[in-house]
Amino acid sequence: HLTSATAMLKHRIDEQPICYKKQASRQATVMNQFFMNIYIGKVQPYIAMVSQAADQLLPLINRLAEGGGTANFRQYVNSTLSMNSKDSLYNRYVYAVKQHTQAWQALLDQCGMRPAVN
């Protein structure tokens, strides 16, 4: 779903802009409210929780797979939980989150509504 949402954001940026010359429109105000209430309020905390858990667990799981285990276990870890394989499910998720974040930043920037980074 994240990839689909990113595609929708990119479509709005590239083909159906909500704003021109960084001037906020009514649609932009609605979009910004959605961003703040849903993305910042609910999605981002969930992504942070997943990231924090992954940072703690995946190095240990990857170390277990490198040190032994069955061939099936090593294959499973490599295809899903590997932090080293760019094609693992986990790294595809990390890439999708990065792309989604960049799409939101571009859309908000297009409307002059991108939050300042401290």
PDB file of N, CA and C in Angstrom:
ATOM      1  N   HIS A   1       0.808  -1.197   0.000  1.00  0.00           N
ATOM      2  CA  HIS A   1       0.000   0.000   0.000  1.00  0.00           C
ATOM      3  C   HIS A   1       0.855   1.268   0.000  1.00  0.00           C
ATOM      4  N   LEU A   2       2.003   1.172   0.629  1.00  0.00           N
ATOM      5  CA  LEU A   2       2.893   2.329   0.691  1.00  0.00           C
ATOM      6  C   LEU A   2       3.361   2.726  -0.706  1.00  0.00           C
ATOM      7  N   THR A   3       3.691   1.746  -1.516  1.00  0.00           N
ATOM      8  CA  THR A   3       4.138   2.024  -2.881  1.00  0.00           C
ATOM      9  C   THR A   3       3.016   2.656  -3.702  1.00  0.00           C
ATOM     10  N   SER A   4       1.790   2.187  -3.511  1.00  0.00           N
ATOM     11  CA  SER A   4       0.638   2.763  -4.222  1.00  0.00           C
ATOM     12  C   SER A   4       0.402   4.207  -3.792  1.00  0.00           C
ATOM     13  N   ALA A   5       0.514   4.458  -2.499  1.00  0.00           N
ATOM     14  CA  ALA A   5       0.331   5.824  -1.998  1.00  0.00           C
ATOM     15  C   ALA A   5       1.422   6.744  -2.539  1.00  0.00           C
ATOM     16  N   THR A   6       2.642   6.232  -2.622  1.00  0.00           N
ATOM     17  CA  THR A   6       3.750   7.022  -3.168  1.00  0.00           C
ATOM     18  C   THR A   6       3.496   7.349  -4.634  1.00  0.00           C
ATOM     19  N   ALA A   7       3.021   6.375  -5.386  1.00  0.00           N
ATOM     20  CA  ALA A   7       2.712   6.606  -6.805  1.00  0.00           C
ATOM     21  C   ALA A   7       1.639   7.680  -6.950  1.00  0.00           C
ATOM     22  N   MET A   8       0.645   7.663  -6.080  1.00  0.00           N
ATOM     23  CA  MET A   8      -0.412   8.669  -6.130  1.00  0.00           C
ATOM     24  C   MET A   8       0.160  10.059  -5.831  1.00  0.00           C
ATOM     25  N   LEU A   9       1.017  10.153  -4.824  1.00  0.00           N
ATOM     26  CA  LEU A   9       1.635  11.442  -4.496  1.00  0.00           C
ATOM     27  C   LEU A   9       2.471  11.959  -5.666  1.00  0.00           C
ATOM     28  N   LYS A  10       3.277  11.082  -6.257  1.00  0.00           N
ATOM     29  CA  LYS A  10       4.118  11.489  -7.388  1.00  0.00           C
ATOM     30  C   LYS A  10       3.276  11.924  -8.581  1.00  0.00           C
ATOM     31  N   HIS A  11       2.153  11.256  -8.790  1.00  0.00           N
ATOM     32  CA  HIS A  11       1.248  11.641  -9.880  1.00  0.00           C
ATOM     33  C   HIS A  11       0.739  13.063  -9.651  1.00  0.00           C
ATOM     34  N   ARG A  12       0.356  13.365  -8.414  1.00  0.00           N
ATOM     35  CA  ARG A  12      -0.132  14.712  -8.121  1.00  0.00           C
ATOM     36  C   ARG A  12       0.977  15.748  -8.309  1.00  0.00           C
ATOM     37  N   ILE A  13       2.171  15.399  -7.935  1.00  0.00           N
ATOM     38  CA  ILE A  13       3.299  16.332  -8.063  1.00  0.00           C
ATOM     39  C   ILE A  13       3.606  16.605  -9.532  1.00  0.00           C
ATOM     40  N   ASP A  14       3.694  15.527 -10.315  1.00  0.00           N
ATOM     41  CA  ASP A  14       4.163  15.630 -11.697  1.00  0.00           C
ATOM     42  C   ASP A  14       3.076  15.970 -12.705  1.00  0.00           C
ATOM     43  N   GLU A  15       1.873  15.435 -12.511  1.00  0.00           N
ATOM     44  CA  GLU A  15       0.862  15.555 -13.559  1.00  0.00           C
ATOM     45  C   GLU A  15      -0.375  16.348 -13.175  1.00  0.00           C
ATOM     46  N   GLN A  16      -0.685  16.409 -11.913  1.00  0.00           N
ATOM     47  CA  GLN A  16      -1.846  17.173 -11.462  1.00  0.00           C
ATOM     48  C   GLN A  16      -1.482  17.958 -10.205  1.00  0.00           C
ATOM     49  N   PRO A  17      -0.609  18.941 -10.349  1.00  0.00           N
ATOM     50  CA  PRO A  17      -0.154  19.678  -9.167  1.00  0.00           C
ATOM     51  C   PRO A  17      -1.318  20.295  -8.389  1.00  0.00           C
ATOM     52  N   ILE A  18      -1.188  20.222  -7.078  1.00  0.00           N
ATOM     53  CA  ILE A  18      -2.182  20.828  -6.197  1.00  0.00           C
ATOM     54  C   ILE A  18      -1.924  22.326  -6.088  1.00  0.00           C
ATOM     55  N   CYS A  19      -0.656  22.712  -6.177  1.00  0.00           N
ATOM     56  CA  CYS A  19      -0.271  24.113  -6.008  1.00  0.00           C
ATOM     57  C   CYS A  19       0.679  24.543  -7.123  1.00  0.00           C
ATOM     58  N   TYR A  20       0.673  25.827  -7.386  1.00  0.00           N
ATOM     59  CA  TYR A  20       1.609  26.420  -8.333  1.00  0.00           C
ATOM     60  C   TYR A  20       2.347  27.549  -7.629  1.00  0.00           C
ATOM     61  N   LYS A  21       3.630  27.649  -7.901  1.00  0.00           N
ATOM     62  CA  LYS A  21       4.463  28.722  -7.350  1.00  0.00           C
ATOM     63  C   LYS A  21       4.369  28.801  -5.824  1.00  0.00           C
ATOM     64  N   LYS A  22       4.311  27.637  -5.204  1.00  0.00           N
ATOM     65  CA  LYS A  22       4.296  27.514  -3.734  1.00  0.00           C
ATOM     66  C   LYS A  22       3.130  28.233  -3.080  1.00  0.00           C
ATOM     67  N   GLN A  23       2.048  28.404  -3.817  1.00  0.00           N
ATOM     68  CA  GLN A  23       0.846  29.024  -3.271  1.00  0.00           C
ATOM     69  C   GLN A  23      -0.134  27.928  -2.864  1.00  0.00           C
ATOM     70  N   ALA A  24      -0.488  27.898  -1.586  1.00  0.00           N
ATOM     71  CA  ALA A  24      -1.395  26.873  -1.071  1.00  0.00           C
ATOM     72  C   ALA A  24      -2.807  27.086  -1.611  1.00  0.00           C
ATOM     73  N   SER A  25      -3.439  25.997  -1.973  1.00  0.00           N
ATOM     74  CA  SER A  25      -4.826  26.013  -2.433  1.00  0.00           C
ATOM     75  C   SER A  25      -5.695  25.362  -1.355  1.00  0.00           C
ATOM     76  N   ARG A  26      -7.005  25.333  -1.593  1.00  0.00           N
ATOM     77  CA  ARG A  26      -7.905  24.665  -0.654  1.00  0.00           C
ATOM     78  C   ARG A  26      -7.563  23.184  -0.563  1.00  0.00           C
ATOM     79  N   GLN A  27      -7.280  22.566  -1.712  1.00  0.00           N
ATOM     80  CA  GLN A  27      -6.871  21.158  -1.728  1.00  0.00           C
ATOM     81  C   GLN A  27      -5.587  20.961  -0.925  1.00  0.00           C
ATOM     82  N   ALA A  28      -4.689  21.907  -1.027  1.00  0.00           N
ATOM     83  CA  ALA A  28      -3.425  21.809  -0.296  1.00  0.00           C
ATOM     84  C   ALA A  28      -3.661  21.862   1.206  1.00  0.00           C
ATOM     85  N   THR A  29      -4.593  22.685   1.634  1.00  0.00           N
ATOM     86  CA  THR A  29      -4.908  22.768   3.062  1.00  0.00           C
ATOM     87  C   THR A  29      -5.470  21.447   3.565  1.00  0.00           C
ATOM     88  N   VAL A  30      -6.359  20.836   2.787  1.00  0.00           N
ATOM     89  CA  VAL A  30      -6.919  19.525   3.149  1.00  0.00           C
ATOM     90  C   VAL A  30      -5.807  18.480   3.175  1.00  0.00           C
ATOM     91  N   MET A  31      -4.959  18.501   2.165  1.00  0.00           N
ATOM     92  CA  MET A  31      -3.847  17.557   2.086  1.00  0.00           C
ATOM     93  C   MET A  31      -2.906  17.733   3.273  1.00  0.00           C
ATOM     94  N   ASN A  32      -2.633  18.965   3.660  1.00  0.00           N
ATOM     95  CA  ASN A  32      -1.752  19.226   4.790  1.00  0.00           C
ATOM     96  C   ASN A  32      -2.375  18.725   6.099  1.00  0.00           C
ATOM     97  N   GLN A  33      -3.680  18.894   6.251  1.00  0.00           N
ATOM     98  CA  GLN A  33      -4.359  18.370   7.442  1.00  0.00           C
ATOM     99  C   GLN A  33      -4.266  16.845   7.481  1.00  0.00           C
ATOM    100  N   PHE A  34      -4.448  16.207   6.331  1.00  0.00           N
ATOM    101  CA  PHE A  34      -4.304  14.753   6.254  1.00  0.00           C
ATOM    102  C   PHE A  34      -2.881  14.350   6.634  1.00  0.00           C
ATOM    103  N   PHE A  35      -1.911  15.052   6.076  1.00  0.00           N
ATOM    104  CA  PHE A  35      -0.509  14.763   6.372  1.00  0.00           C
ATOM    105  C   PHE A  35      -0.242  14.853   7.876  1.00  0.00           C
ATOM    106  N   MET A  36      -0.686  15.929   8.493  1.00  0.00           N
ATOM    107  CA  MET A  36      -0.416  16.127   9.919  1.00  0.00           C
ATOM    108  C   MET A  36      -1.174  15.116  10.782  1.00  0.00           C
ATOM    109  N   ASN A  37      -2.456  14.901  10.502  1.00  0.00           N
ATOM    110  CA  ASN A  37      -3.281  14.038  11.353  1.00  0.00           C
ATOM    111  C   ASN A  37      -3.026  12.554  11.136  1.00  0.00           C
ATOM    112  N   ILE A  38      -2.881  12.141   9.894  1.00  0.00           N
ATOM    113  CA  ILE A  38      -2.745  10.715   9.601  1.00  0.00           C
ATOM    114  C   ILE A  38      -1.276  10.315   9.483  1.00  0.00           C
ATOM    115  N   TYR A  39      -0.545  10.963   8.587  1.00  0.00           N
ATOM    116  CA  TYR A  39       0.834  10.535   8.363  1.00  0.00           C
ATOM    117  C   TYR A  39       1.702  10.815   9.591  1.00  0.00           C
ATOM    118  N   ILE A  40       1.727  12.051  10.047  1.00  0.00           N
ATOM    119  CA  ILE A  40       2.552  12.404  11.207  1.00  0.00           C
ATOM    120  C   ILE A  40       1.968  11.805  12.491  1.00  0.00           C
ATOM    121  N   GLY A  41       0.651  11.823  12.602  1.00  0.00           N
ATOM    122  CA  GLY A  41       0.010  11.357  13.829  1.00  0.00           C
ATOM    123  C   GLY A  41      -0.042   9.854  13.999  1.00  0.00           C
ATOM    124  N   LYS A  42      -0.142   9.102  12.889  1.00  0.00           N
ATOM    125  CA  LYS A  42      -0.330   7.652  13.009  1.00  0.00           C
ATOM    126  C   LYS A  42       0.692   6.822  12.239  1.00  0.00           C
ATOM    127  N   VAL A  43       0.930   7.171  10.991  1.00  0.00           N
ATOM    128  CA  VAL A  43       1.814   6.355  10.154  1.00  0.00           C
ATOM    129  C   VAL A  43       3.263   6.488  10.602  1.00  0.00           C
ATOM    130  N   GLN A  44       3.731   7.698  10.777  1.00  0.00           N
ATOM    131  CA  GLN A  44       5.133   7.905  11.142  1.00  0.00           C
ATOM    132  C   GLN A  44       5.501   7.256  12.486  1.00  0.00           C
ATOM    133  N   PRO A  45       4.654   7.344  13.519  1.00  0.00           N
ATOM    134  CA  PRO A  45       4.997   6.636  14.759  1.00  0.00           C
ATOM    135  C   PRO A  45       5.086   5.118  14.563  1.00  0.00           C
ATOM    136  N   TYR A  46       4.224   4.573  13.720  1.00  0.00           N
ATOM    137  CA  TYR A  46       4.280   3.136  13.439  1.00  0.00           C
ATOM    138  C   TYR A  46       5.585   2.779  12.717  1.00  0.00           C
ATOM    139  N   ILE A  47       5.951   3.574  11.720  1.00  0.00           N
ATOM    140  CA  ILE A  47       7.201   3.341  10.991  1.00  0.00           C
ATOM    141  C   ILE A  47       8.389   3.443  11.946  1.00  0.00           C
ATOM    142  N   ALA A  48       8.361   4.401  12.848  1.00  0.00           N
ATOM    143  CA  ALA A  48       9.447   4.553  13.821  1.00  0.00           C
ATOM    144  C   ALA A  48       9.533   3.339  14.740  1.00  0.00           C
ATOM    145  N   MET A  49       8.377   2.805  15.144  1.00  0.00           N
ATOM    146  CA  MET A  49       8.362   1.627  16.005  1.00  0.00           C
ATOM    147  C   MET A  49       8.946   0.417  15.274  1.00  0.00           C
ATOM    148  N   VAL A  50       8.561   0.231  14.016  1.00  0.00           N
ATOM    149  CA  VAL A  50       9.098  -0.875  13.215  1.00  0.00           C
ATOM    150  C   VAL A  50      10.602  -0.712  13.047  1.00  0.00           C
ATOM    151  N   SER A  51      11.043   0.498  12.762  1.00  0.00           N
ATOM    152  CA  SER A  51      12.469   0.762  12.576  1.00  0.00           C
ATOM    153  C   SER A  51      13.258   0.486  13.849  1.00  0.00           C
ATOM    154  N   GLN A  52      12.733   0.919  14.970  1.00  0.00           N
ATOM    155  CA  GLN A  52      13.417   0.701  16.246  1.00  0.00           C
ATOM    156  C   GLN A  52      13.512  -0.793  16.563  1.00  0.00           C
ATOM    157  N   ALA A  53      12.429  -1.530  16.341  1.00  0.00           N
ATOM    158  CA  ALA A  53      12.453  -2.979  16.581  1.00  0.00           C
ATOM    159  C   ALA A  53      13.434  -3.660  15.632  1.00  0.00           C
ATOM    160  N   ALA A  54      13.427  -3.242  14.373  1.00  0.00           N
ATOM    161  CA  ALA A  54      14.343  -3.827  13.385  1.00  0.00           C
ATOM    162  C   ALA A  54      15.797  -3.548  13.759  1.00  0.00           C
ATOM    163  N   ASP A  55      16.075  -2.336  14.213  1.00  0.00           N
ATOM    164  CA  ASP A  55      17.447  -1.989  14.614  1.00  0.00           C
ATOM    165  C   ASP A  55      17.944  -2.870  15.755  1.00  0.00           C
ATOM    166  N   GLN A  56      17.042  -3.295  16.607  1.00  0.00           N
ATOM    167  CA  GLN A  56      17.426  -4.139  17.738  1.00  0.00           C
ATOM    168  C   GLN A  56      17.499  -5.615  17.363  1.00  0.00           C
ATOM    169  N   LEU A  57      16.534  -6.086  16.570  1.00  0.00           N
ATOM    170  CA  LEU A  57      16.420  -7.520  16.304  1.00  0.00           C
ATOM    171  C   LEU A  57      17.178  -8.009  15.078  1.00  0.00           C
ATOM    172  N   LEU A  58      17.148  -7.260  14.005  1.00  0.00           N
ATOM    173  CA  LEU A  58      17.713  -7.770  12.754  1.00  0.00           C
ATOM    174  C   LEU A  58      19.214  -8.042  12.811  1.00  0.00           C
ATOM    175  N   PRO A  59      20.024  -7.215  13.472  1.00  0.00           N
ATOM    176  CA  PRO A  59      21.444  -7.587  13.552  1.00  0.00           C
ATOM    177  C   PRO A  59      21.649  -8.949  14.226  1.00  0.00           C
ATOM    178  N   LEU A  60      20.856  -9.229  15.244  1.00  0.00           N
ATOM    179  CA  LEU A  60      20.971 -10.514  15.939  1.00  0.00           C
ATOM    180  C   LEU A  60      20.520 -11.668  15.051  1.00  0.00           C
ATOM    181  N   ILE A  61      19.401 -11.477  14.363  1.00  0.00           N
ATOM    182  CA  ILE A  61      18.892 -12.520  13.466  1.00  0.00           C
ATOM    183  C   ILE A  61      19.865 -12.755  12.320  1.00  0.00           C
ATOM    184  N   ASN A  62      20.405 -11.677  11.761  1.00  0.00           N
ATOM    185  CA  ASN A  62      21.375 -11.814  10.669  1.00  0.00           C
ATOM    186  C   ASN A  62      22.632 -12.538  11.141  1.00  0.00           C
ATOM    187  N   ARG A  63      23.075 -12.236  12.355  1.00  0.00           N
ATOM    188  CA  ARG A  63      24.245 -12.909  12.912  1.00  0.00           C
ATOM    189  C   ARG A  63      23.969 -14.404  13.101  1.00  0.00           C
ATOM    190  N   LEU A  64      22.766 -14.743  13.566  1.00  0.00           N
ATOM    191  CA  LEU A  64      22.387 -16.155  13.707  1.00  0.00           C
ATOM    192  C   LEU A  64      22.444 -16.873  12.364  1.00  0.00           C
ATOM    193  N   ALA A  65      21.920 -16.231  11.335  1.00  0.00           N
ATOM    194  CA  ALA A  65      21.898 -16.851  10.006  1.00  0.00           C
ATOM    195  C   ALA A  65      23.307 -17.030   9.460  1.00  0.00           C
ATOM    196  N   GLU A  66      24.169 -16.047   9.700  1.00  0.00           N
ATOM    197  CA  GLU A  66      25.547 -16.145   9.208  1.00  0.00           C
ATOM    198  C   GLU A  66      26.324 -17.234   9.939  1.00  0.00           C
ATOM    199  N   GLY A  67      25.984 -17.454  11.204  1.00  0.00           N
ATOM    200  CA  GLY A  67      26.725 -18.405  12.017  1.00  0.00           C
ATOM    201  C   GLY A  67      26.246 -19.837  11.919  1.00  0.00           C
ATOM    202  N   GLY A  68      25.223 -20.072  11.173  1.00  0.00           N
ATOM    203  CA  GLY A  68      24.743 -21.450  11.067  1.00  0.00           C
ATOM    204  C   GLY A  68      23.256 -21.499  10.812  1.00  0.00           C
ATOM    205  N   GLY A  69      22.652 -22.517  11.384  1.00  0.00           N
ATOM    206  CA  GLY A  69      21.239 -22.727  11.128  1.00  0.00           C
ATOM    207  C   GLY A  69      21.062 -23.540   9.863  1.00  0.00           C
ATOM    208  N   THR A  70      19.853 -23.895   9.606  1.00  0.00           N
ATOM    209  CA  THR A  70      19.575 -24.700   8.420  1.00  0.00           C
ATOM    210  C   THR A  70      19.664 -23.845   7.167  1.00  0.00           C
ATOM    211  N   ALA A  71      19.786 -24.510   6.050  1.00  0.00           N
ATOM    212  CA  ALA A  71      19.816 -23.797   4.763  1.00  0.00           C
ATOM    213  C   ALA A  71      18.513 -23.036   4.556  1.00  0.00           C
ATOM    214  N   ASN A  72      17.401 -23.625   4.968  1.00  0.00           N
ATOM    215  CA  ASN A  72      16.105 -22.950   4.827  1.00  0.00           C
ATOM    216  C   ASN A  72      16.049 -21.674   5.663  1.00  0.00           C
ATOM    217  N   PHE A  73      16.604 -21.727   6.869  1.00  0.00           N
ATOM    218  CA  PHE A  73      16.631 -20.545   7.733  1.00  0.00           C
ATOM    219  C   PHE A  73      17.480 -19.447   7.103  1.00  0.00           C
ATOM    220  N   ARG A  74      18.660 -19.795   6.627  1.00  0.00           N
ATOM    221  CA  ARG A  74      19.540 -18.803   5.993  1.00  0.00           C
ATOM    222  C   ARG A  74      18.869 -18.198   4.763  1.00  0.00           C
ATOM    223  N   GLN A  75      18.216 -19.027   3.974  1.00  0.00           N
ATOM    224  CA  GLN A  75      17.528 -18.533   2.779  1.00  0.00           C
ATOM    225  C   GLN A  75      16.389 -17.591   3.172  1.00  0.00           C
ATOM    226  N   TYR A  76      15.647 -17.963   4.205  1.00  0.00           N
ATOM    227  CA  TYR A  76      14.544 -17.119   4.673  1.00  0.00           C
ATOM    228  C   TYR A  76      15.066 -15.757   5.141  1.00  0.00           C
ATOM    229  N   VAL A  77      16.094 -15.779   5.970  1.00  0.00           N
ATOM    230  CA  VAL A  77      16.653 -14.526   6.479  1.00  0.00           C
ATOM    231  C   VAL A  77      17.182 -13.684   5.326  1.00  0.00           C
ATOM    232  N   ASN A  78      17.878 -14.280   4.390  1.00  0.00           N
ATOM    233  CA  ASN A  78      18.436 -13.530   3.263  1.00  0.00           C
ATOM    234  C   ASN A  78      17.347 -12.888   2.410  1.00  0.00           C
ATOM    235  N   SER A  79      16.244 -13.582   2.225  1.00  0.00           N
ATOM    236  CA  SER A  79      15.197 -13.043   1.347  1.00  0.00           C
ATOM    237  C   SER A  79      14.249 -12.085   2.060  1.00  0.00           C
ATOM    238  N   THR A  80      14.156 -12.179   3.378  1.00  0.00           N
ATOM    239  CA  THR A  80      13.189 -11.332   4.072  1.00  0.00           C
ATOM    240  C   THR A  80      13.798 -10.348   5.059  1.00  0.00           C
ATOM    241  N   LEU A  81      14.715 -10.797   5.880  1.00  0.00           N
ATOM    242  CA  LEU A  81      15.179  -9.984   7.002  1.00  0.00           C
ATOM    243  C   LEU A  81      16.611  -9.493   6.882  1.00  0.00           C
ATOM    244  N   SER A  82      17.269  -9.804   5.797  1.00  0.00           N
ATOM    245  CA  SER A  82      18.670  -9.417   5.647  1.00  0.00           C
ATOM    246  C   SER A  82      18.814  -7.903   5.569  1.00  0.00           C
ATOM    247  N   MET A  83      19.767  -7.404   6.325  1.00  0.00           N
ATOM    248  CA  MET A  83      20.091  -5.983   6.266  1.00  0.00           C
ATOM    249  C   MET A  83      21.141  -5.725   5.191  1.00  0.00           C
ATOM    250  N   ASN A  84      21.741  -6.784   4.675  1.00  0.00           N
ATOM    251  CA  ASN A  84      22.823  -6.662   3.696  1.00  0.00           C
ATOM    252  C   ASN A  84      22.365  -6.872   2.262  1.00  0.00           C
ATOM    253  N   SER A  85      21.277  -7.574   2.071  1.00  0.00           N
ATOM    254  CA  SER A  85      20.783  -7.847   0.724  1.00  0.00           C
ATOM    255  C   SER A  85      19.786  -6.771   0.317  1.00  0.00           C
ATOM    256  N   LYS A  86      20.113  -6.023  -0.737  1.00  0.00           N
ATOM    257  CA  LYS A  86      19.211  -4.943  -1.155  1.00  0.00           C
ATOM    258  C   LYS A  86      17.868  -5.475  -1.631  1.00  0.00           C
ATOM    259  N   ASP A  87      17.799  -6.750  -1.973  1.00  0.00           N
ATOM    260  CA  ASP A  87      16.555  -7.338  -2.453  1.00  0.00           C
ATOM    261  C   ASP A  87      15.713  -7.962  -1.347  1.00  0.00           C
ATOM    262  N   SER A  88      16.186  -7.909  -0.102  1.00  0.00           N
ATOM    263  CA  SER A  88      15.400  -8.499   0.985  1.00  0.00           C
ATOM    264  C   SER A  88      14.120  -7.689   1.186  1.00  0.00           C
ATOM    265  N   LEU A  89      13.124  -8.346   1.700  1.00  0.00           N
ATOM    266  CA  LEU A  89      11.851  -7.686   1.972  1.00  0.00           C
ATOM    267  C   LEU A  89      12.057  -6.479   2.890  1.00  0.00           C
ATOM    268  N   TYR A  90      12.904  -6.632   3.889  1.00  0.00           N
ATOM    269  CA  TYR A  90      13.159  -5.532   4.816  1.00  0.00           C
ATOM    270  C   TYR A  90      13.770  -4.331   4.097  1.00  0.00           C
ATOM    271  N   ASN A  91      14.771  -4.541   3.273  1.00  0.00           N
ATOM    272  CA  ASN A  91      15.404  -3.415   2.575  1.00  0.00           C
ATOM    273  C   ASN A  91      14.495  -2.810   1.515  1.00  0.00           C
ATOM    274  N   ARG A  92      13.626  -3.601   0.921  1.00  0.00           N
ATOM    275  CA  ARG A  92      12.628  -3.031   0.001  1.00  0.00           C
ATOM    276  C   ARG A  92      11.650  -2.148   0.776  1.00  0.00           C
ATOM    277  N   TYR A  93      11.301  -2.571   1.991  1.00  0.00           N
ATOM    278  CA  TYR A  93      10.441  -1.762   2.860  1.00  0.00           C
ATOM    279  C   TYR A  93      11.136  -0.436   3.206  1.00  0.00           C
ATOM    280  N   VAL A  94      12.404  -0.491   3.596  1.00  0.00           N
ATOM    281  CA  VAL A  94      13.168   0.718   3.938  1.00  0.00           C
ATOM    282  C   VAL A  94      13.198   1.671   2.741  1.00  0.00           C
ATOM    283  N   TYR A  95      13.433   1.130   1.549  1.00  0.00           N
ATOM    284  CA  TYR A  95      13.465   1.946   0.336  1.00  0.00           C
ATOM    285  C   TYR A  95      12.087   2.570   0.068  1.00  0.00           C
ATOM    286  N   ALA A  96      11.025   1.786   0.259  1.00  0.00           N
ATOM    287  CA  ALA A  96       9.666   2.293   0.033  1.00  0.00           C
ATOM    288  C   ALA A  96       9.338   3.425   1.003  1.00  0.00           C
ATOM    289  N   VAL A  97       9.746   3.291   2.250  1.00  0.00           N
ATOM    290  CA  VAL A  97       9.521   4.356   3.235  1.00  0.00           C
ATOM    291  C   VAL A  97      10.272   5.620   2.813  1.00  0.00           C
ATOM    292  N   LYS A  98      11.510   5.461   2.377  1.00  0.00           N
ATOM    293  CA  LYS A  98      12.311   6.615   1.942  1.00  0.00           C
ATOM    294  C   LYS A  98      11.653   7.309   0.748  1.00  0.00           C
ATOM    295  N   GLN A  99      11.205   6.534  -0.227  1.00  0.00           N
ATOM    296  CA  GLN A  99      10.550   7.103  -1.405  1.00  0.00           C
ATOM    297  C   GLN A  99       9.261   7.828  -1.018  1.00  0.00           C
ATOM    298  N   HIS A 100       8.503   7.242  -0.100  1.00  0.00           N
ATOM    299  CA  HIS A 100       7.246   7.842   0.338  1.00  0.00           C
ATOM    300  C   HIS A 100       7.503   9.164   1.068  1.00  0.00           C
ATOM    301  N   THR A 101       8.501   9.168   1.925  1.00  0.00           N
ATOM    302  CA  THR A 101       8.862  10.385   2.653  1.00  0.00           C
ATOM    303  C   THR A 101       9.279  11.488   1.683  1.00  0.00           C
ATOM    304  N   GLN A 102      10.096  11.132   0.695  1.00  0.00           N
ATOM    305  CA  GLN A 102      10.535  12.120  -0.295  1.00  0.00           C
ATOM    306  C   GLN A 102       9.363  12.645  -1.123  1.00  0.00           C
ATOM    307  N   ALA A 103       8.395  11.791  -1.419  1.00  0.00           N
ATOM    308  CA  ALA A 103       7.221  12.232  -2.183  1.00  0.00           C
ATOM    309  C   ALA A 103       6.396  13.224  -1.363  1.00  0.00           C
ATOM    310  N   TRP A 104       6.181  12.931  -0.086  1.00  0.00           N
ATOM    311  CA  TRP A 104       5.466  13.881   0.768  1.00  0.00           C
ATOM    312  C   TRP A 104       6.223  15.206   0.845  1.00  0.00           C
ATOM    313  N   GLN A 105       7.532  15.143   1.013  1.00  0.00           N
ATOM    314  CA  GLN A 105       8.328  16.369   1.096  1.00  0.00           C
ATOM    315  C   GLN A 105       8.192  17.193  -0.180  1.00  0.00           C
ATOM    316  N   ALA A 106       8.228  16.532  -1.326  1.00  0.00           N
ATOM    317  CA  ALA A 106       8.109  17.240  -2.608  1.00  0.00           C
ATOM    318  C   ALA A 106       6.730  17.871  -2.758  1.00  0.00           C
ATOM    319  N   LEU A 107       5.689  17.137  -2.363  1.00  0.00           N
ATOM    320  CA  LEU A 107       4.333  17.666  -2.480  1.00  0.00           C
ATOM    321  C   LEU A 107       4.141  18.864  -1.551  1.00  0.00           C
ATOM    322  N   LEU A 108       4.587  18.734  -0.326  1.00  0.00           N
ATOM    323  CA  LEU A 108       4.463  19.849   0.615  1.00  0.00           C
ATOM    324  C   LEU A 108       5.308  21.042   0.176  1.00  0.00           C
ATOM    325  N   ASP A 109       6.479  20.775  -0.374  1.00  0.00           N
ATOM    326  CA  ASP A 109       7.345  21.846  -0.865  1.00  0.00           C
ATOM    327  C   ASP A 109       6.692  22.571  -2.038  1.00  0.00           C
ATOM    328  N   GLN A 110       6.015  21.822  -2.886  1.00  0.00           N
ATOM    329  CA  GLN A 110       5.333  22.410  -4.035  1.00  0.00           C
ATOM    330  C   GLN A 110       4.307  23.451  -3.584  1.00  0.00           C
ATOM    331  N   CYS A 111       3.759  23.264  -2.393  1.00  0.00           N
ATOM    332  CA  CYS A 111       2.740  24.172  -1.868  1.00  0.00           C
ATOM    333  C   CYS A 111       3.288  25.154  -0.838  1.00  0.00           C
ATOM    334  N   GLY A 112       4.608  25.124  -0.625  1.00  0.00           N
ATOM    335  CA  GLY A 112       5.192  25.999   0.378  1.00  0.00           C
ATOM    336  C   GLY A 112       4.786  25.619   1.791  1.00  0.00           C
ATOM    337  N   MET A 113       4.474  24.336   2.005  1.00  0.00           N
ATOM    338  CA  MET A 113       3.983  23.881   3.308  1.00  0.00           C
ATOM    339  C   MET A 113       4.913  22.874   3.978  1.00  0.00           C
ATOM    340  N   ARG A 114       6.087  22.681   3.431  1.00  0.00           N
ATOM    341  CA  ARG A 114       6.998  21.689   4.000  1.00  0.00           C
ATOM    342  C   ARG A 114       7.482  22.159   5.371  1.00  0.00           C
ATOM    343  N   PRO A 115       7.328  21.305   6.392  1.00  0.00           N
ATOM    344  CA  PRO A 115       7.780  21.705   7.729  1.00  0.00           C
ATOM    345  C   PRO A 115       9.287  21.944   7.751  1.00  0.00           C
ATOM    346  N   ALA A 116       9.692  22.910   8.537  1.00  0.00           N
ATOM    347  CA  ALA A 116      11.120  23.201   8.691  1.00  0.00           C
ATOM    348  C   ALA A 116      11.765  22.095   9.510  1.00  0.00           C
ATOM    349  N   VAL A 117      12.992  21.743   9.146  1.00  0.00           N
ATOM    350  CA  VAL A 117      13.748  20.732   9.875  1.00  0.00           C
ATOM    351  C   VAL A 117      14.708  21.452  10.805  1.00  0.00           C
ATOM    352  N   ASN A 118      14.653  21.095  12.064  1.00  0.00           N
ATOM    353  CA  ASN A 118      15.546  21.733  13.051  1.00  0.00           C
ATOM    354  C   ASN A 118      16.825  20.977  13.184  1.00  0.00           C
TER     355      ASN A 118
END
